[in-house]
Amino acid sequence: MNLALNMNQAAPSISTAELEIEIREIRKSYGETPILKGLNLEIPKGQAVALIGSNGSGKSTLLRCTTRLIEPDSGEVILHGQNITKLTGARLREARSKIGFVFQHHNLVPRLSVLSNVLHGALGRKPSARLWFQSLATNLDREEAMYCLERVGLAQFAARRVTQLSGGQSQRVAIARALMQRPTIIMADEPVASLDPQAGEEVMNLFFQLSRSENLTLLFCTHHLEHAVDYADRVVGLSKGTIQLDQESSSISVAELRGIYD
């Protein structure tokens, strides 16, 4: 797979009618400690956004509140024009199925093959016991899972067990699993924190290229300021639960971003 980065590739043309993520006055506290303090953020379709900030600034909490993996105390989250803070049960699961979430730890099933793990990505949109194992899956589902592996450059590893993969390969399998959801949004929480620098660059490059080729909205947390500048259209800096910086990545330097940590 060619992972060469083309940073001259322009961001999609955006209009307010194309907003994909709207976060309105989100608040979240743990006990007496406020984490998010009435935060507002809008992200247009197809835009890649990096969230930066020190530990405890609220980055991961914001990501999880946006998908309601944790419940905000108040405020609204609107995805694809739908207010998901008002959804429950099957309707909430359906809305979440359009979001591919990639974690720092890959959360793959070690004893299963790469292909079986990718098939699991379809469970959110079509629950079926046949998706748990590649031997039970339909030909169409296996073909789609193989296509997702091709997109991350790992089709040749489909039959391998996850335990035989490197950290970077495992994260790319996690990305293929997210693509199997047919998402319109990819969210990633410190996706390269556990990887060596070379593997981290390859994974971030992959995220960027997929966001461009598939017109996916990308929201990722990172402590790598170079990644924020190189692989995002826009950088949002959090400090003490509020947005302190919101700027196009092309107009800011890594040195300037370090100010958010003061």
C-alpha atoms as a PDB file:
ATOM      1  CA  MET A   1       0.000   0.000   0.000  1.00  0.00           C
ATOM      2  CA  ASN A   2       1.333   3.438  -0.883  1.00  0.00           C
ATOM      3  CA  LEU A   3       1.289   5.511   2.289  1.00  0.00           C
ATOM      4  CA  ALA A   4       3.020   8.562   0.807  1.00  0.00           C
ATOM      5  CA  LEU A   5       1.422  11.710   2.141  1.00  0.00           C
ATOM      6  CA  ASN A   6       0.257  14.443  -0.190  1.00  0.00           C
ATOM      7  CA  MET A   7      -0.061  17.469   2.041  1.00  0.00           C
ATOM      8  CA  ASN A   8      -0.933  19.676  -0.946  1.00  0.00           C
ATOM      9  CA  GLN A   9      -4.299  17.952  -1.157  1.00  0.00           C
ATOM     10  CA  ALA A  10      -6.862  20.608  -0.330  1.00  0.00           C
ATOM     11  CA  ALA A  11      -9.490  20.274   2.369  1.00  0.00           C
ATOM     12  CA  PRO A  12     -13.052  19.838   1.086  1.00  0.00           C
ATOM     13  CA  SER A  13     -15.107  22.940   0.371  1.00  0.00           C
ATOM     14  CA  ILE A  14     -17.338  23.459   3.420  1.00  0.00           C
ATOM     15  CA  SER A  15     -20.661  25.169   3.957  1.00  0.00           C
ATOM     16  CA  THR A  16     -22.665  25.462   7.164  1.00  0.00           C
ATOM     17  CA  ALA A  17     -25.301  23.212   5.605  1.00  0.00           C
ATOM     18  CA  GLU A  18     -22.755  20.377   5.704  1.00  0.00           C
ATOM     19  CA  LEU A  19     -22.116  20.307   9.446  1.00  0.00           C
ATOM     20  CA  GLU A  20     -21.623  16.724  10.582  1.00  0.00           C
ATOM     21  CA  ILE A  21     -20.828  17.213  14.288  1.00  0.00           C
ATOM     22  CA  GLU A  22     -22.420  19.904  16.451  1.00  0.00           C
ATOM     23  CA  ILE A  23     -21.585  20.036  20.160  1.00  0.00           C
ATOM     24  CA  ARG A  24     -23.650  22.535  22.123  1.00  0.00           C
ATOM     25  CA  GLU A  25     -22.955  23.578  25.702  1.00  0.00           C
ATOM     26  CA  ILE A  26     -21.675  20.162  26.735  1.00  0.00           C
ATOM     27  CA  ARG A  27     -20.904  19.860  30.434  1.00  0.00           C
ATOM     28  CA  LYS A  28     -19.466  16.904  32.314  1.00  0.00           C
ATOM     29  CA  SER A  29     -18.209  16.575  35.873  1.00  0.00           C
ATOM     30  CA  TYR A  30     -16.805  13.694  37.877  1.00  0.00           C
ATOM     31  CA  GLY A  31     -17.928  14.244  41.432  1.00  0.00           C
ATOM     32  CA  GLU A  32     -17.021  17.803  42.357  1.00  0.00           C
ATOM     33  CA  THR A  33     -14.528  18.130  39.485  1.00  0.00           C
ATOM     34  CA  PRO A  34     -15.802  19.803  36.299  1.00  0.00           C
ATOM     35  CA  ILE A  35     -14.219  18.315  33.161  1.00  0.00           C
ATOM     36  CA  LEU A  36     -16.156  20.003  30.341  1.00  0.00           C
ATOM     37  CA  LYS A  37     -17.536  23.478  31.012  1.00  0.00           C
ATOM     38  CA  GLY A  38     -20.224  24.328  28.473  1.00  0.00           C
ATOM     39  CA  LEU A  39     -18.134  23.446  25.461  1.00  0.00           C
ATOM     40  CA  ASN A  40     -19.280  24.272  21.896  1.00  0.00           C
ATOM     41  CA  LEU A  41     -17.772  22.860  18.714  1.00  0.00           C
ATOM     42  CA  GLU A  42     -18.899  22.496  15.098  1.00  0.00           C
ATOM     43  CA  ILE A  43     -17.169  20.217  12.578  1.00  0.00           C
ATOM     44  CA  PRO A  44     -18.142  20.205   8.891  1.00  0.00           C
ATOM     45  CA  LYS A  45     -18.370  17.048   6.814  1.00  0.00           C
ATOM     46  CA  GLY A  46     -15.025  15.821   5.509  1.00  0.00           C
ATOM     47  CA  GLN A  47     -12.878  17.906   7.842  1.00  0.00           C
ATOM     48  CA  ALA A  48      -9.994  16.413   9.847  1.00  0.00           C
ATOM     49  CA  VAL A  49      -9.769  17.928  13.338  1.00  0.00           C
ATOM     50  CA  ALA A  50      -7.064  17.339  15.961  1.00  0.00           C
ATOM     51  CA  LEU A  51      -7.876  17.760  19.657  1.00  0.00           C
ATOM     52  CA  ILE A  52      -4.861  18.704  21.754  1.00  0.00           C
ATOM     53  CA  GLY A  53      -4.386  19.579  25.406  1.00  0.00           C
ATOM     54  CA  SER A  54      -2.710  18.342  28.549  1.00  0.00           C
ATOM     55  CA  ASN A  55      -3.896  15.323  30.507  1.00  0.00           C
ATOM     56  CA  GLY A  56      -7.139  16.236  32.261  1.00  0.00           C
ATOM     57  CA  SER A  57      -8.051  18.942  29.749  1.00  0.00           C
ATOM     58  CA  GLY A  58     -11.142  17.009  28.659  1.00  0.00           C
ATOM     59  CA  LYS A  59     -10.103  15.614  25.251  1.00  0.00           C
ATOM     60  CA  SER A  60     -11.057  11.992  25.805  1.00  0.00           C
ATOM     61  CA  THR A  61     -14.139  12.939  27.787  1.00  0.00           C
ATOM     62  CA  LEU A  62     -15.319  15.122  24.912  1.00  0.00           C
ATOM     63  CA  LEU A  63     -14.800  12.306  22.412  1.00  0.00           C
ATOM     64  CA  ARG A  64     -16.762   9.870  24.567  1.00  0.00           C
ATOM     65  CA  CYS A  65     -19.561  12.334  25.293  1.00  0.00           C
ATOM     66  CA  THR A  66     -19.876  12.959  21.561  1.00  0.00           C
ATOM     67  CA  THR A  67     -20.710   9.278  21.028  1.00  0.00           C
ATOM     68  CA  ARG A  68     -22.445   8.903  24.411  1.00  0.00           C
ATOM     69  CA  LEU A  69     -20.026   6.239  25.497  1.00  0.00           C
ATOM     70  CA  ILE A  70     -20.286   8.355  28.618  1.00  0.00           C
ATOM     71  CA  GLU A  71     -23.306  10.547  29.277  1.00  0.00           C
ATOM     72  CA  PRO A  72     -22.857  14.325  29.399  1.00  0.00           C
ATOM     73  CA  ASP A  73     -24.453  16.087  32.367  1.00  0.00           C
ATOM     74  CA  SER A  74     -26.112  18.601  30.051  1.00  0.00           C
ATOM     75  CA  GLY A  75     -25.943  19.976  26.535  1.00  0.00           C
ATOM     76  CA  GLU A  76     -26.608  18.501  23.101  1.00  0.00           C
ATOM     77  CA  VAL A  77     -24.704  16.472  20.529  1.00  0.00           C
ATOM     78  CA  ILE A  78     -26.000  16.557  16.961  1.00  0.00           C
ATOM     79  CA  LEU A  79     -24.549  14.084  14.464  1.00  0.00           C
ATOM     80  CA  HIS A  80     -25.598  14.062  10.803  1.00  0.00           C
ATOM     81  CA  GLY A  81     -28.361  16.533  11.777  1.00  0.00           C
ATOM     82  CA  GLN A  82     -29.751  14.187  14.432  1.00  0.00           C
ATOM     83  CA  ASN A  83     -29.752  15.064  18.136  1.00  0.00           C
ATOM     84  CA  ILE A  84     -28.325  11.874  19.653  1.00  0.00           C
ATOM     85  CA  THR A  85     -28.703  13.129  23.238  1.00  0.00           C
ATOM     86  CA  LYS A  86     -32.419  12.439  22.843  1.00  0.00           C
ATOM     87  CA  LEU A  87     -32.041   8.927  21.421  1.00  0.00           C
ATOM     88  CA  THR A  88     -32.299   5.607  23.243  1.00  0.00           C
ATOM     89  CA  GLY A  89     -32.185   1.914  22.421  1.00  0.00           C
ATOM     90  CA  ALA A  90     -32.126   0.879  18.781  1.00  0.00           C
ATOM     91  CA  ARG A  91     -32.176   4.451  17.478  1.00  0.00           C
ATOM     92  CA  LEU A  92     -29.065   5.340  19.485  1.00  0.00           C
ATOM     93  CA  ARG A  93     -27.301   2.174  18.297  1.00  0.00           C
ATOM     94  CA  GLU A  94     -28.179   3.049  14.712  1.00  0.00           C
ATOM     95  CA  ALA A  95     -26.719   6.552  15.089  1.00  0.00           C
ATOM     96  CA  ARG A  96     -23.552   5.175  16.688  1.00  0.00           C
ATOM     97  CA  SER A  97     -23.146   2.630  13.910  1.00  0.00           C
ATOM     98  CA  LYS A  98     -22.155   5.474  11.579  1.00  0.00           C
ATOM     99  CA  ILE A  99     -19.184   6.367  13.802  1.00  0.00           C
ATOM    100  CA  GLY A 100     -15.990   4.356  13.626  1.00  0.00           C
ATOM    101  CA  PHE A 101     -14.192   4.672  16.977  1.00  0.00           C
ATOM    102  CA  VAL A 102     -10.498   3.734  17.138  1.00  0.00           C
ATOM    103  CA  PHE A 103      -8.952   3.482  20.597  1.00  0.00           C
ATOM    104  CA  GLN A 104      -5.354   3.678  21.796  1.00  0.00           C
ATOM    105  CA  HIS A 105      -5.572  -0.018  22.687  1.00  0.00           C
ATOM    106  CA  HIS A 106      -6.761  -1.893  19.663  1.00  0.00           C
ATOM    107  CA  ASN A 107      -9.423  -4.019  21.410  1.00  0.00           C
ATOM    108  CA  LEU A 108      -9.069  -6.862  18.945  1.00  0.00           C
ATOM    109  CA  VAL A 109      -9.875 -10.487  19.825  1.00  0.00           C
ATOM    110  CA  PRO A 110      -6.392 -12.070  20.015  1.00  0.00           C
ATOM    111  CA  ARG A 111      -7.357 -15.696  19.371  1.00  0.00           C
ATOM    112  CA  LEU A 112      -9.271 -14.882  16.175  1.00  0.00           C
ATOM    113  CA  SER A 113      -8.022 -14.154  12.684  1.00  0.00           C
ATOM    114  CA  VAL A 114      -7.540 -10.685  11.273  1.00  0.00           C
ATOM    115  CA  LEU A 115     -10.486 -11.210   8.918  1.00  0.00           C
ATOM    116  CA  SER A 116     -12.826 -12.291  11.722  1.00  0.00           C
ATOM    117  CA  ASN A 117     -11.889  -9.177  13.712  1.00  0.00           C
ATOM    118  CA  VAL A 118     -12.673  -6.935  10.748  1.00  0.00           C
ATOM    119  CA  LEU A 119     -16.050  -8.644  10.270  1.00  0.00           C
ATOM    120  CA  HIS A 120     -16.960  -7.611  13.826  1.00  0.00           C
ATOM    121  CA  GLY A 121     -17.172  -4.035  12.564  1.00  0.00           C
ATOM    122  CA  ALA A 122     -20.445  -4.828  10.801  1.00  0.00           C
ATOM    123  CA  LEU A 123     -22.192  -5.972  13.999  1.00  0.00           C
ATOM    124  CA  GLY A 124     -23.440  -2.472  14.830  1.00  0.00           C
ATOM    125  CA  ARG A 125     -25.407  -2.162  11.588  1.00  0.00           C
ATOM    126  CA  LYS A 126     -26.466  -5.797  11.104  1.00  0.00           C
ATOM    127  CA  PRO A 127     -26.295  -7.905  14.297  1.00  0.00           C
ATOM    128  CA  SER A 128     -25.680 -11.521  13.362  1.00  0.00           C
ATOM    129  CA  ALA A 129     -23.856 -14.426  14.960  1.00  0.00           C
ATOM    130  CA  ARG A 130     -22.437 -15.205  11.512  1.00  0.00           C
ATOM    131  CA  LEU A 131     -20.247 -12.103  11.730  1.00  0.00           C
ATOM    132  CA  TRP A 132     -18.292 -13.420  14.711  1.00  0.00           C
ATOM    133  CA  PHE A 133     -16.223 -15.881  12.660  1.00  0.00           C
ATOM    134  CA  GLN A 134     -15.009 -15.693   9.081  1.00  0.00           C
ATOM    135  CA  SER A 135     -15.992 -19.339   8.505  1.00  0.00           C
ATOM    136  CA  LEU A 136     -19.641 -18.495   9.203  1.00  0.00           C
ATOM    137  CA  ALA A 137     -19.832 -15.182   7.369  1.00  0.00           C
ATOM    138  CA  THR A 138     -21.538 -14.800   4.023  1.00  0.00           C
ATOM    139  CA  ASN A 139     -19.436 -14.393   0.885  1.00  0.00           C
ATOM    140  CA  LEU A 140     -20.585 -10.781   0.562  1.00  0.00           C
ATOM    141  CA  ASP A 141     -19.537  -9.930   4.119  1.00  0.00           C
ATOM    142  CA  ARG A 142     -16.155 -11.628   3.689  1.00  0.00           C
ATOM    143  CA  GLU A 143     -15.585  -9.760   0.433  1.00  0.00           C
ATOM    144  CA  GLU A 144     -16.387  -6.440   2.096  1.00  0.00           C
ATOM    145  CA  ALA A 145     -14.063  -7.236   5.022  1.00  0.00           C
ATOM    146  CA  MET A 146     -11.288  -8.104   2.570  1.00  0.00           C
ATOM    147  CA  TYR A 147     -11.878  -4.809   0.782  1.00  0.00           C
ATOM    148  CA  CYS A 148     -11.512  -2.966   4.096  1.00  0.00           C
ATOM    149  CA  LEU A 149      -8.232  -4.793   4.725  1.00  0.00           C
ATOM    150  CA  GLU A 150      -7.040  -3.824   1.242  1.00  0.00           C
ATOM    151  CA  ARG A 151      -7.730  -0.193   2.065  1.00  0.00           C
ATOM    152  CA  VAL A 152      -5.357  -0.381   5.044  1.00  0.00           C
ATOM    153  CA  GLY A 153      -2.772  -2.462   3.197  1.00  0.00           C
ATOM    154  CA  LEU A 154      -3.222  -5.725   5.116  1.00  0.00           C
ATOM    155  CA  ALA A 155      -5.210  -8.026   2.825  1.00  0.00           C
ATOM    156  CA  GLN A 156      -2.298 -10.495   2.782  1.00  0.00           C
ATOM    157  CA  PHE A 157      -2.645 -10.942   6.573  1.00  0.00           C
ATOM    158  CA  ALA A 158      -6.352 -11.861   6.564  1.00  0.00           C
ATOM    159  CA  ALA A 159      -5.809 -15.433   7.788  1.00  0.00           C
ATOM    160  CA  ARG A 160      -3.283 -14.570  10.498  1.00  0.00           C
ATOM    161  CA  ARG A 161      -4.140 -14.478  14.155  1.00  0.00           C
ATOM    162  CA  VAL A 162      -4.004 -11.040  15.719  1.00  0.00           C
ATOM    163  CA  THR A 163      -1.272 -12.251  18.091  1.00  0.00           C
ATOM    164  CA  GLN A 164       1.058 -12.540  15.081  1.00  0.00           C
ATOM    165  CA  LEU A 165       0.813  -8.832  14.216  1.00  0.00           C
ATOM    166  CA  SER A 166       2.947  -5.855  15.186  1.00  0.00           C
ATOM    167  CA  GLY A 167       1.409  -2.936  17.069  1.00  0.00           C
ATOM    168  CA  GLY A 168       1.123  -0.836  13.922  1.00  0.00           C
ATOM    169  CA  GLN A 169      -0.484  -3.692  12.006  1.00  0.00           C
ATOM    170  CA  SER A 170      -2.955  -4.283  14.845  1.00  0.00           C
ATOM    171  CA  GLN A 171      -3.995  -0.626  14.778  1.00  0.00           C
ATOM    172  CA  ARG A 172      -4.509  -0.799  11.025  1.00  0.00           C
ATOM    173  CA  VAL A 173      -6.746  -3.846  11.553  1.00  0.00           C
ATOM    174  CA  ALA A 174      -8.707  -1.760  14.076  1.00  0.00           C
ATOM    175  CA  ILE A 175      -9.100   0.913  11.393  1.00  0.00           C
ATOM    176  CA  ALA A 176     -10.290  -1.705   8.879  1.00  0.00           C
ATOM    177  CA  ARG A 177     -12.820  -2.908  11.464  1.00  0.00           C
ATOM    178  CA  ALA A 178     -14.059   0.682  11.834  1.00  0.00           C
ATOM    179  CA  LEU A 179     -14.367   0.994   8.043  1.00  0.00           C
ATOM    180  CA  MET A 180     -16.492  -2.177   8.042  1.00  0.00           C
ATOM    181  CA  GLN A 181     -19.129  -0.095   9.854  1.00  0.00           C
ATOM    182  CA  ARG A 182     -19.439   2.071   6.705  1.00  0.00           C
ATOM    183  CA  PRO A 183     -18.956   5.163   8.877  1.00  0.00           C
ATOM    184  CA  THR A 184     -19.255   8.794   7.905  1.00  0.00           C
ATOM    185  CA  ILE A 185     -17.218   9.813  10.973  1.00  0.00           C
ATOM    186  CA  ILE A 186     -14.003   8.348  12.382  1.00  0.00           C
ATOM    187  CA  MET A 187     -13.046   9.234  15.972  1.00  0.00           C
ATOM    188  CA  ALA A 188      -9.689   8.201  17.373  1.00  0.00           C
ATOM    189  CA  ASP A 189      -8.453   8.574  20.950  1.00  0.00           C
ATOM    190  CA  GLU A 190      -4.636   8.731  21.062  1.00  0.00           C
ATOM    191  CA  PRO A 191      -4.492   6.175  18.223  1.00  0.00           C
ATOM    192  CA  VAL A 192      -0.678   6.042  18.009  1.00  0.00           C
ATOM    193  CA  ALA A 193       0.274   6.473  21.679  1.00  0.00           C
ATOM    194  CA  SER A 194       1.377   2.839  22.003  1.00  0.00           C
ATOM    195  CA  LEU A 195       3.210   2.685  18.655  1.00  0.00           C
ATOM    196  CA  ASP A 196       6.804   3.380  17.684  1.00  0.00           C
ATOM    197  CA  PRO A 197       7.386   6.615  15.723  1.00  0.00           C
ATOM    198  CA  GLN A 198       7.509   4.972  12.275  1.00  0.00           C
ATOM    199  CA  ALA A 199       4.330   2.948  12.834  1.00  0.00           C
ATOM    200  CA  GLY A 200       2.668   6.040  14.307  1.00  0.00           C
ATOM    201  CA  GLU A 201       3.440   8.065  11.194  1.00  0.00           C
ATOM    202  CA  GLU A 202       2.058   5.315   8.957  1.00  0.00           C
ATOM    203  CA  VAL A 203      -1.178   5.072  10.944  1.00  0.00           C
ATOM    204  CA  MET A 204      -1.739   8.844  10.999  1.00  0.00           C
ATOM    205  CA  ASN A 205      -0.958   9.038   7.294  1.00  0.00           C
ATOM    206  CA  LEU A 206      -3.542   6.307   6.723  1.00  0.00           C
ATOM    207  CA  PHE A 207      -6.171   8.210   8.711  1.00  0.00           C
ATOM    208  CA  PHE A 208      -5.500  11.346   6.677  1.00  0.00           C
ATOM    209  CA  GLN A 209      -5.620   9.587   3.310  1.00  0.00           C
ATOM    210  CA  LEU A 210      -8.851   7.766   4.206  1.00  0.00           C
ATOM    211  CA  SER A 211     -10.476  11.010   5.328  1.00  0.00           C
ATOM    212  CA  ARG A 212      -9.642  12.472   1.913  1.00  0.00           C
ATOM    213  CA  SER A 213     -10.443   9.504  -0.323  1.00  0.00           C
ATOM    214  CA  GLU A 214     -13.659   8.557   1.487  1.00  0.00           C
ATOM    215  CA  ASN A 215     -14.718  12.106   2.503  1.00  0.00           C
ATOM    216  CA  LEU A 216     -14.809  10.957   6.132  1.00  0.00           C
ATOM    217  CA  THR A 217     -14.997  13.412   8.994  1.00  0.00           C
ATOM    218  CA  LEU A 218     -12.023  12.737  11.290  1.00  0.00           C
ATOM    219  CA  LEU A 219     -11.754  13.787  14.940  1.00  0.00           C
ATOM    220  CA  PHE A 220      -8.698  12.587  16.829  1.00  0.00           C
ATOM    221  CA  CYS A 221      -6.998  13.300  20.167  1.00  0.00           C
ATOM    222  CA  THR A 222      -3.228  13.522  20.198  1.00  0.00           C
ATOM    223  CA  HIS A 223      -0.252  14.643  22.266  1.00  0.00           C
ATOM    224  CA  HIS A 224       1.899  14.644  19.110  1.00  0.00           C
ATOM    225  CA  LEU A 225       1.769  18.282  18.061  1.00  0.00           C
ATOM    226  CA  GLU A 226       3.488  17.501  14.769  1.00  0.00           C
ATOM    227  CA  HIS A 227       0.636  15.098  13.959  1.00  0.00           C
ATOM    228  CA  ALA A 228      -1.903  17.804  14.774  1.00  0.00           C
ATOM    229  CA  VAL A 229      -0.269  20.156  12.265  1.00  0.00           C
ATOM    230  CA  ASP A 230       0.525  17.560   9.586  1.00  0.00           C
ATOM    231  CA  TYR A 231      -2.601  15.385   9.590  1.00  0.00           C
ATOM    232  CA  ALA A 232      -5.466  17.744  10.406  1.00  0.00           C
ATOM    233  CA  ASP A 233      -7.148  20.636   8.644  1.00  0.00           C
ATOM    234  CA  ARG A 234      -7.870  22.260  11.976  1.00  0.00           C
ATOM    235  CA  VAL A 235      -6.475  22.161  15.515  1.00  0.00           C
ATOM    236  CA  VAL A 236      -8.688  22.594  18.585  1.00  0.00           C
ATOM    237  CA  GLY A 237      -6.853  23.122  21.884  1.00  0.00           C
ATOM    238  CA  LEU A 238      -8.549  22.345  25.208  1.00  0.00           C
ATOM    239  CA  SER A 239      -7.527  23.623  28.609  1.00  0.00           C
ATOM    240  CA  LYS A 240      -9.440  23.027  31.835  1.00  0.00           C
ATOM    241  CA  GLY A 241     -12.562  21.947  29.983  1.00  0.00           C
ATOM    242  CA  THR A 242     -12.842  24.886  27.600  1.00  0.00           C
ATOM    243  CA  ILE A 243     -11.628  25.592  24.072  1.00  0.00           C
ATOM    244  CA  GLN A 244      -8.617  27.888  24.190  1.00  0.00           C
ATOM    245  CA  LEU A 245      -7.576  27.558  20.562  1.00  0.00           C
ATOM    246  CA  ASP A 246      -9.398  26.792  17.315  1.00  0.00           C
ATOM    247  CA  GLN A 247      -7.312  27.422  14.219  1.00  0.00           C
ATOM    248  CA  GLU A 248      -6.509  26.046  10.775  1.00  0.00           C
ATOM    249  CA  SER A 249      -3.426  23.846  10.983  1.00  0.00           C
ATOM    250  CA  SER A 250      -1.856  25.599   7.994  1.00  0.00           C
ATOM    251  CA  SER A 251      -1.764  28.871   9.930  1.00  0.00           C
ATOM    252  CA  ILE A 252      -0.121  27.684  13.140  1.00  0.00           C
ATOM    253  CA  SER A 253       3.223  26.155  14.096  1.00  0.00           C
ATOM    254  CA  VAL A 254       4.147  23.406  16.517  1.00  0.00           C
ATOM    255  CA  ALA A 255       5.936  26.000  18.659  1.00  0.00           C
ATOM    256  CA  GLU A 256       2.753  28.056  18.912  1.00  0.00           C
ATOM    257  CA  LEU A 257       0.709  24.975  19.836  1.00  0.00           C
ATOM    258  CA  ARG A 258       2.959  24.330  22.823  1.00  0.00           C
ATOM    259  CA  GLY A 259       1.411  27.392  24.413  1.00  0.00           C
ATOM    260  CA  ILE A 260      -1.769  25.428  25.082  1.00  0.00           C
ATOM    261  CA  TYR A 261       0.197  23.376  27.640  1.00  0.00           C
ATOM    262  CA  ASP A 262       1.346  26.403  29.672  1.00  0.00           C
END
